[in-house]
Amino acid sequence: MRTNMGTLDRGIRILIALIIAGLYFTGIISGYLALILIVFAGVFILTSLISFCPLYLPFNLSTKKKS
C-alpha cells in the first residue's frame, strides 16, 4: 500500500478529530450526530496514522509531495 497523504493533510485530519473529540467530551454534541462524528474522527485518525486514504484512489489523488 503506497501512501497518498501529505503532512498538511494528516495534520488537518488530526486537528479535526481532536476538535470533534473535544466537542463530544464537553457535551456540546450528543446523540446520533455525536456518534456519526466520532466515527468520522476515528477514520480521520486511522487514515492519518497510516498516511493512506482509500477515497483518494478512485480519483487518483495524492497530497503527498513528489520526491
C-alpha atoms as a PDB file:
ATOM      1  CA  MET A   1       0.000   0.000   0.000  1.00  0.00           C
ATOM      2  CA  ARG A   2       1.522   3.298  -1.114  1.00  0.00           C
ATOM      3  CA  THR A   3       0.962   6.379   0.988  1.00  0.00           C
ATOM      4  CA  ASN A   4      -1.083   9.143  -0.602  1.00  0.00           C
ATOM      5  CA  MET A   5      -1.399  11.717   2.184  1.00  0.00           C
ATOM      6  CA  GLY A   6       0.926  14.620   2.807  1.00  0.00           C
ATOM      7  CA  THR A   7       1.933  16.088   6.146  1.00  0.00           C
ATOM      8  CA  LEU A   8      -0.502  19.011   5.988  1.00  0.00           C
ATOM      9  CA  ASP A   9      -3.403  16.693   5.084  1.00  0.00           C
ATOM     10  CA  ARG A  10      -2.576  14.413   8.013  1.00  0.00           C
ATOM     11  CA  GLY A  11      -2.277  17.359  10.409  1.00  0.00           C
ATOM     12  CA  ILE A  12      -5.617  18.836   9.378  1.00  0.00           C
ATOM     13  CA  ARG A  13      -7.357  15.465   9.818  1.00  0.00           C
ATOM     14  CA  ILE A  14      -5.869  15.014  13.294  1.00  0.00           C
ATOM     15  CA  LEU A  15      -6.869  18.565  14.266  1.00  0.00           C
ATOM     16  CA  ILE A  16     -10.454  17.989  13.086  1.00  0.00           C
ATOM     17  CA  ALA A  17     -10.605  14.685  15.003  1.00  0.00           C
ATOM     18  CA  LEU A  18      -9.359  16.395  18.176  1.00  0.00           C
ATOM     19  CA  ILE A  19     -11.953  19.151  17.814  1.00  0.00           C
ATOM     20  CA  ILE A  20     -14.729  16.578  17.378  1.00  0.00           C
ATOM     21  CA  ALA A  21     -13.490  14.652  20.423  1.00  0.00           C
ATOM     22  CA  GLY A  22     -13.388  17.868  22.451  1.00  0.00           C
ATOM     23  CA  LEU A  23     -16.944  18.758  21.448  1.00  0.00           C
ATOM     24  CA  TYR A  24     -18.116  15.265  22.360  1.00  0.00           C
ATOM     25  CA  PHE A  25     -16.401  15.044  25.740  1.00  0.00           C
ATOM     26  CA  THR A  26     -17.565  18.520  26.791  1.00  0.00           C
ATOM     27  CA  GLY A  27     -21.149  17.570  25.928  1.00  0.00           C
ATOM     28  CA  ILE A  28     -21.608  20.144  23.178  1.00  0.00           C
ATOM     29  CA  ILE A  29     -22.610  17.461  20.690  1.00  0.00           C
ATOM     30  CA  SER A  30     -24.641  14.398  21.601  1.00  0.00           C
ATOM     31  CA  GLY A  31     -26.988  11.821  20.177  1.00  0.00           C
ATOM     32  CA  TYR A  32     -26.759  10.424  16.674  1.00  0.00           C
ATOM     33  CA  LEU A  33     -24.783  13.396  15.420  1.00  0.00           C
ATOM     34  CA  ALA A  34     -22.127  12.739  18.043  1.00  0.00           C
ATOM     35  CA  LEU A  35     -21.898   9.065  17.133  1.00  0.00           C
ATOM     36  CA  ILE A  36     -21.514   9.826  13.438  1.00  0.00           C
ATOM     37  CA  LEU A  37     -18.877  12.486  14.080  1.00  0.00           C
ATOM     38  CA  ILE A  38     -16.927  10.217  16.460  1.00  0.00           C
ATOM     39  CA  VAL A  39     -16.829   7.544  13.750  1.00  0.00           C
ATOM     40  CA  PHE A  40     -15.526  10.135  11.272  1.00  0.00           C
ATOM     41  CA  ALA A  41     -12.934  11.263  13.810  1.00  0.00           C
ATOM     42  CA  GLY A  42     -11.793   7.661  14.242  1.00  0.00           C
ATOM     43  CA  VAL A  43     -11.454   7.263  10.472  1.00  0.00           C
ATOM     44  CA  PHE A  44      -9.512  10.529  10.285  1.00  0.00           C
ATOM     45  CA  ILE A  45      -7.103   9.366  12.997  1.00  0.00           C
ATOM     46  CA  LEU A  46      -6.650   5.944  11.394  1.00  0.00           C
ATOM     47  CA  THR A  47      -6.021   7.313   7.912  1.00  0.00           C
ATOM     48  CA  SER A  48      -3.613   9.889   9.336  1.00  0.00           C
ATOM     49  CA  LEU A  49      -1.624   7.256  11.182  1.00  0.00           C
ATOM     50  CA  ILE A  50      -1.197   5.052   8.118  1.00  0.00           C
ATOM     51  CA  SER A  51      -0.889   8.017   5.664  1.00  0.00           C
ATOM     52  CA  PHE A  52      -3.349   6.396   3.282  1.00  0.00           C
ATOM     53  CA  CYS A  53      -6.853   7.468   2.284  1.00  0.00           C
ATOM     54  CA  PRO A  54      -8.808   4.880   0.279  1.00  0.00           C
ATOM     55  CA  LEU A  55     -11.182   7.563  -1.056  1.00  0.00           C
ATOM     56  CA  TYR A  56      -8.271   9.152  -2.928  1.00  0.00           C
ATOM     57  CA  LEU A  57      -7.715   6.013  -5.046  1.00  0.00           C
ATOM     58  CA  PRO A  58     -10.706   6.204  -7.446  1.00  0.00           C
ATOM     59  CA  PHE A  59      -9.856   9.834  -8.210  1.00  0.00           C
ATOM     60  CA  ASN A  60      -6.102   9.196  -8.445  1.00  0.00           C
ATOM     61  CA  LEU A  61      -5.464  11.926  -5.846  1.00  0.00           C
ATOM     62  CA  SER A  62      -2.421  12.369  -3.667  1.00  0.00           C
ATOM     63  CA  THR A  63      -1.497  15.189  -1.299  1.00  0.00           C
ATOM     64  CA  LYS A  64       1.956  13.753  -0.757  1.00  0.00           C
ATOM     65  CA  LYS A  65       4.844  15.749  -2.186  1.00  0.00           C
ATOM     66  CA  LYS A  66       6.637  14.185  -5.111  1.00  0.00           C
ATOM     67  CA  SER A  67      10.252  13.444  -4.267  1.00  0.00           C
END
